[in-house]
Amino acid sequence: MDIFRGDTFIGDIIITKDGVAYDLSGATLFFTVKASALSPDSAAVVRETSGEGGGISITDPPTGGRAALTVAASVMEKLIPNKTYQFDIQVVDLSGAVFTVETGTLSVLADITRRVSV
């Protein structure tokens, strides 16, 4: 997926299991971006969670398996243009089970306009 360095990133997360919406009641979601999948989480350049103050909001009703992801522009500024990063989205459900629901790469494009005010 191509993204622009410094742009606010907004995305929808849809989680299903066997074709049915996954119940996110009591679950915690994680969105992690790293230079390498082998790097420790402490080396992640982007870390968002559905915990308090995180950039992931589970959409009502939680039984619908949907969440909204927002990563602030100030966080996205840390990404280096012309570099590719690895990401994943994980769910830890109410029982403590861990599921990786999506993985992929983010290709960072240079932003032309760097100002954020007039």
C-alpha atoms as a PDB file:
ATOM      1  CA  MET A   1       0.000   0.000   0.000  1.00  0.00           C
ATOM      2  CA  ASP A   2       1.377   3.446  -0.907  1.00  0.00           C
ATOM      3  CA  ILE A   3       1.181   6.176   1.732  1.00  0.00           C
ATOM      4  CA  PHE A   4       2.515   9.730   1.929  1.00  0.00           C
ATOM      5  CA  ARG A   5       4.972  10.606   4.681  1.00  0.00           C
ATOM      6  CA  GLY A   6       3.378  13.034   7.145  1.00  0.00           C
ATOM      7  CA  ASP A   7      -0.240  12.477   6.061  1.00  0.00           C
ATOM      8  CA  THR A   8      -2.836  11.402   8.593  1.00  0.00           C
ATOM      9  CA  PHE A   9      -3.598   7.750   7.907  1.00  0.00           C
ATOM     10  CA  ILE A  10      -7.232   6.652   8.232  1.00  0.00           C
ATOM     11  CA  GLY A  11      -8.436   3.139   7.549  1.00  0.00           C
ATOM     12  CA  ASP A  12     -11.221   0.690   8.292  1.00  0.00           C
ATOM     13  CA  ILE A  13     -10.482  -2.658   9.884  1.00  0.00           C
ATOM     14  CA  ILE A  14     -12.959  -5.455   9.164  1.00  0.00           C
ATOM     15  CA  ILE A  15     -12.404  -8.716  11.001  1.00  0.00           C
ATOM     16  CA  THR A  16     -14.166 -11.935  10.095  1.00  0.00           C
ATOM     17  CA  LYS A  17     -13.673 -15.562  10.987  1.00  0.00           C
ATOM     18  CA  ASP A  18     -15.070 -18.217   8.649  1.00  0.00           C
ATOM     19  CA  GLY A  19     -16.921 -15.463   6.792  1.00  0.00           C
ATOM     20  CA  VAL A  20     -18.717 -14.165   9.905  1.00  0.00           C
ATOM     21  CA  ALA A  21     -18.050 -10.865  11.689  1.00  0.00           C
ATOM     22  CA  TYR A  22     -15.715 -11.499  14.633  1.00  0.00           C
ATOM     23  CA  ASP A  23     -17.019 -10.389  18.040  1.00  0.00           C
ATOM     24  CA  LEU A  24     -14.610  -7.722  19.309  1.00  0.00           C
ATOM     25  CA  SER A  25     -16.307  -7.367  22.708  1.00  0.00           C
ATOM     26  CA  GLY A  26     -13.511  -6.981  25.256  1.00  0.00           C
ATOM     27  CA  ALA A  27     -10.821  -7.407  22.577  1.00  0.00           C
ATOM     28  CA  THR A  28      -7.698  -5.307  22.104  1.00  0.00           C
ATOM     29  CA  LEU A  29      -6.440  -4.500  18.610  1.00  0.00           C
ATOM     30  CA  PHE A  30      -2.874  -3.604  17.652  1.00  0.00           C
ATOM     31  CA  PHE A  31      -1.524  -1.919  14.500  1.00  0.00           C
ATOM     32  CA  THR A  32       2.268  -2.103  14.285  1.00  0.00           C
ATOM     33  CA  VAL A  33       4.641  -0.782  11.605  1.00  0.00           C
ATOM     34  CA  LYS A  34       8.325  -1.767  11.556  1.00  0.00           C
ATOM     35  CA  ALA A  35      11.294  -1.502   9.213  1.00  0.00           C
ATOM     36  CA  SER A  36      11.619  -5.287   9.509  1.00  0.00           C
ATOM     37  CA  ALA A  37       9.182  -7.949  10.655  1.00  0.00           C
ATOM     38  CA  LEU A  38      12.051  -9.403  12.701  1.00  0.00           C
ATOM     39  CA  SER A  39      12.544  -6.202  14.730  1.00  0.00           C
ATOM     40  CA  PRO A  40      11.253  -6.144  18.315  1.00  0.00           C
ATOM     41  CA  ASP A  41       8.031  -4.222  18.981  1.00  0.00           C
ATOM     42  CA  SER A  42      10.108  -1.636  20.844  1.00  0.00           C
ATOM     43  CA  ALA A  43      11.668  -0.725  17.455  1.00  0.00           C
ATOM     44  CA  ALA A  44       8.292  -0.098  15.791  1.00  0.00           C
ATOM     45  CA  VAL A  45       7.919   3.297  14.128  1.00  0.00           C
ATOM     46  CA  VAL A  46       4.126   3.198  14.471  1.00  0.00           C
ATOM     47  CA  ARG A  47       2.247   1.509  17.317  1.00  0.00           C
ATOM     48  CA  GLU A  48      -1.483   2.021  17.715  1.00  0.00           C
ATOM     49  CA  THR A  49      -3.892   0.152  19.967  1.00  0.00           C
ATOM     50  CA  SER A  50      -7.552   0.102  20.837  1.00  0.00           C
ATOM     51  CA  GLY A  51      -6.542   0.746  24.442  1.00  0.00           C
ATOM     52  CA  GLU A  52      -7.131   4.111  26.060  1.00  0.00           C
ATOM     53  CA  GLY A  53      -5.551   6.907  24.053  1.00  0.00           C
ATOM     54  CA  GLY A  54      -4.795   4.603  21.116  1.00  0.00           C
ATOM     55  CA  GLY A  55      -5.597   5.261  17.481  1.00  0.00           C
ATOM     56  CA  ILE A  56      -7.974   2.307  17.040  1.00  0.00           C
ATOM     57  CA  SER A  57     -11.675   2.581  17.901  1.00  0.00           C
ATOM     58  CA  ILE A  58     -13.850  -0.516  17.920  1.00  0.00           C
ATOM     59  CA  THR A  59     -17.080   0.413  16.144  1.00  0.00           C
ATOM     60  CA  ASP A  60     -20.457  -0.152  17.811  1.00  0.00           C
ATOM     61  CA  PRO A  61     -21.687  -2.787  18.079  1.00  0.00           C
ATOM     62  CA  PRO A  62     -18.448  -4.674  18.824  1.00  0.00           C
ATOM     63  CA  THR A  63     -20.131  -7.859  17.561  1.00  0.00           C
ATOM     64  CA  GLY A  64     -19.926  -6.349  14.045  1.00  0.00           C
ATOM     65  CA  GLY A  65     -16.170  -6.985  13.799  1.00  0.00           C
ATOM     66  CA  ARG A  66     -15.324  -3.444  12.673  1.00  0.00           C
ATOM     67  CA  ALA A  67     -12.840  -0.859  13.905  1.00  0.00           C
ATOM     68  CA  ALA A  68     -11.496   2.480  12.702  1.00  0.00           C
ATOM     69  CA  LEU A  69      -7.766   3.222  12.590  1.00  0.00           C
ATOM     70  CA  THR A  70      -6.317   6.736  12.714  1.00  0.00           C
ATOM     71  CA  VAL A  71      -2.591   7.452  12.803  1.00  0.00           C
ATOM     72  CA  ALA A  72      -1.740  11.103  13.407  1.00  0.00           C
ATOM     73  CA  ALA A  73       0.294  13.071  10.859  1.00  0.00           C
ATOM     74  CA  SER A  74       2.925  13.707  13.555  1.00  0.00           C
ATOM     75  CA  VAL A  75       3.459   9.945  13.831  1.00  0.00           C
ATOM     76  CA  MET A  76       3.488   9.409  10.071  1.00  0.00           C
ATOM     77  CA  GLU A  77       6.210  12.101   9.751  1.00  0.00           C
ATOM     78  CA  LYS A  78       8.642   9.606  11.307  1.00  0.00           C
ATOM     79  CA  LEU A  79       8.467   7.373   8.225  1.00  0.00           C
ATOM     80  CA  ILE A  80      11.279   7.726   5.703  1.00  0.00           C
ATOM     81  CA  PRO A  81      10.298   8.424   2.064  1.00  0.00           C
ATOM     82  CA  ASN A  82      11.224   5.800  -0.544  1.00  0.00           C
ATOM     83  CA  LYS A  83      11.370   3.134   2.139  1.00  0.00           C
ATOM     84  CA  THR A  84       9.139   0.100   2.595  1.00  0.00           C
ATOM     85  CA  TYR A  85       7.869  -0.950   6.024  1.00  0.00           C
ATOM     86  CA  GLN A  86       6.110  -4.091   7.274  1.00  0.00           C
ATOM     87  CA  PHE A  87       2.806  -3.869   9.164  1.00  0.00           C
ATOM     88  CA  ASP A  88       0.323  -6.130  10.840  1.00  0.00           C
ATOM     89  CA  ILE A  89      -2.958  -5.934  12.692  1.00  0.00           C
ATOM     90  CA  GLN A  90      -3.439  -8.276  15.636  1.00  0.00           C
ATOM     91  CA  VAL A  91      -6.408  -9.022  17.857  1.00  0.00           C
ATOM     92  CA  VAL A  92      -6.201 -10.276  21.416  1.00  0.00           C
ATOM     93  CA  ASP A  93      -9.718 -11.441  22.242  1.00  0.00           C
ATOM     94  CA  LEU A  94     -11.456 -11.662  25.596  1.00  0.00           C
ATOM     95  CA  SER A  95     -10.153 -15.206  26.153  1.00  0.00           C
ATOM     96  CA  GLY A  96      -6.552 -14.076  25.527  1.00  0.00           C
ATOM     97  CA  ALA A  97      -6.307 -15.735  22.098  1.00  0.00           C
ATOM     98  CA  VAL A  98      -4.051 -13.842  19.659  1.00  0.00           C
ATOM     99  CA  PHE A  99      -4.897 -13.591  15.951  1.00  0.00           C
ATOM    100  CA  THR A 100      -3.000 -11.786  13.197  1.00  0.00           C
ATOM    101  CA  VAL A 101      -5.756 -10.593  10.896  1.00  0.00           C
ATOM    102  CA  GLU A 102      -3.767  -8.660   8.306  1.00  0.00           C
ATOM    103  CA  THR A 103      -0.160  -8.183   7.215  1.00  0.00           C
ATOM    104  CA  GLY A 104       1.401  -6.208   4.428  1.00  0.00           C
ATOM    105  CA  THR A 105       3.838  -3.555   3.330  1.00  0.00           C
ATOM    106  CA  LEU A 106       3.668   0.223   3.386  1.00  0.00           C
ATOM    107  CA  SER A 107       5.636   2.035   0.690  1.00  0.00           C
ATOM    108  CA  VAL A 108       6.291   5.583   1.831  1.00  0.00           C
ATOM    109  CA  LEU A 109       6.127   8.327  -0.779  1.00  0.00           C
ATOM    110  CA  ALA A 110       7.696  11.759  -0.297  1.00  0.00           C
ATOM    111  CA  ASP A 111       5.210  14.488   0.478  1.00  0.00           C
ATOM    112  CA  ILE A 112       5.535  17.602  -1.666  1.00  0.00           C
ATOM    113  CA  THR A 113       3.849  20.121   0.636  1.00  0.00           C
ATOM    114  CA  ARG A 114       5.399  20.116   4.118  1.00  0.00           C
ATOM    115  CA  ARG A 115       3.486  23.019   5.685  1.00  0.00           C
ATOM    116  CA  VAL A 116       0.389  22.356   7.773  1.00  0.00           C
ATOM    117  CA  SER A 117      -0.918  25.905   8.177  1.00  0.00           C
ATOM    118  CA  VAL A 118      -1.494  28.888   5.908  1.00  0.00           C
END
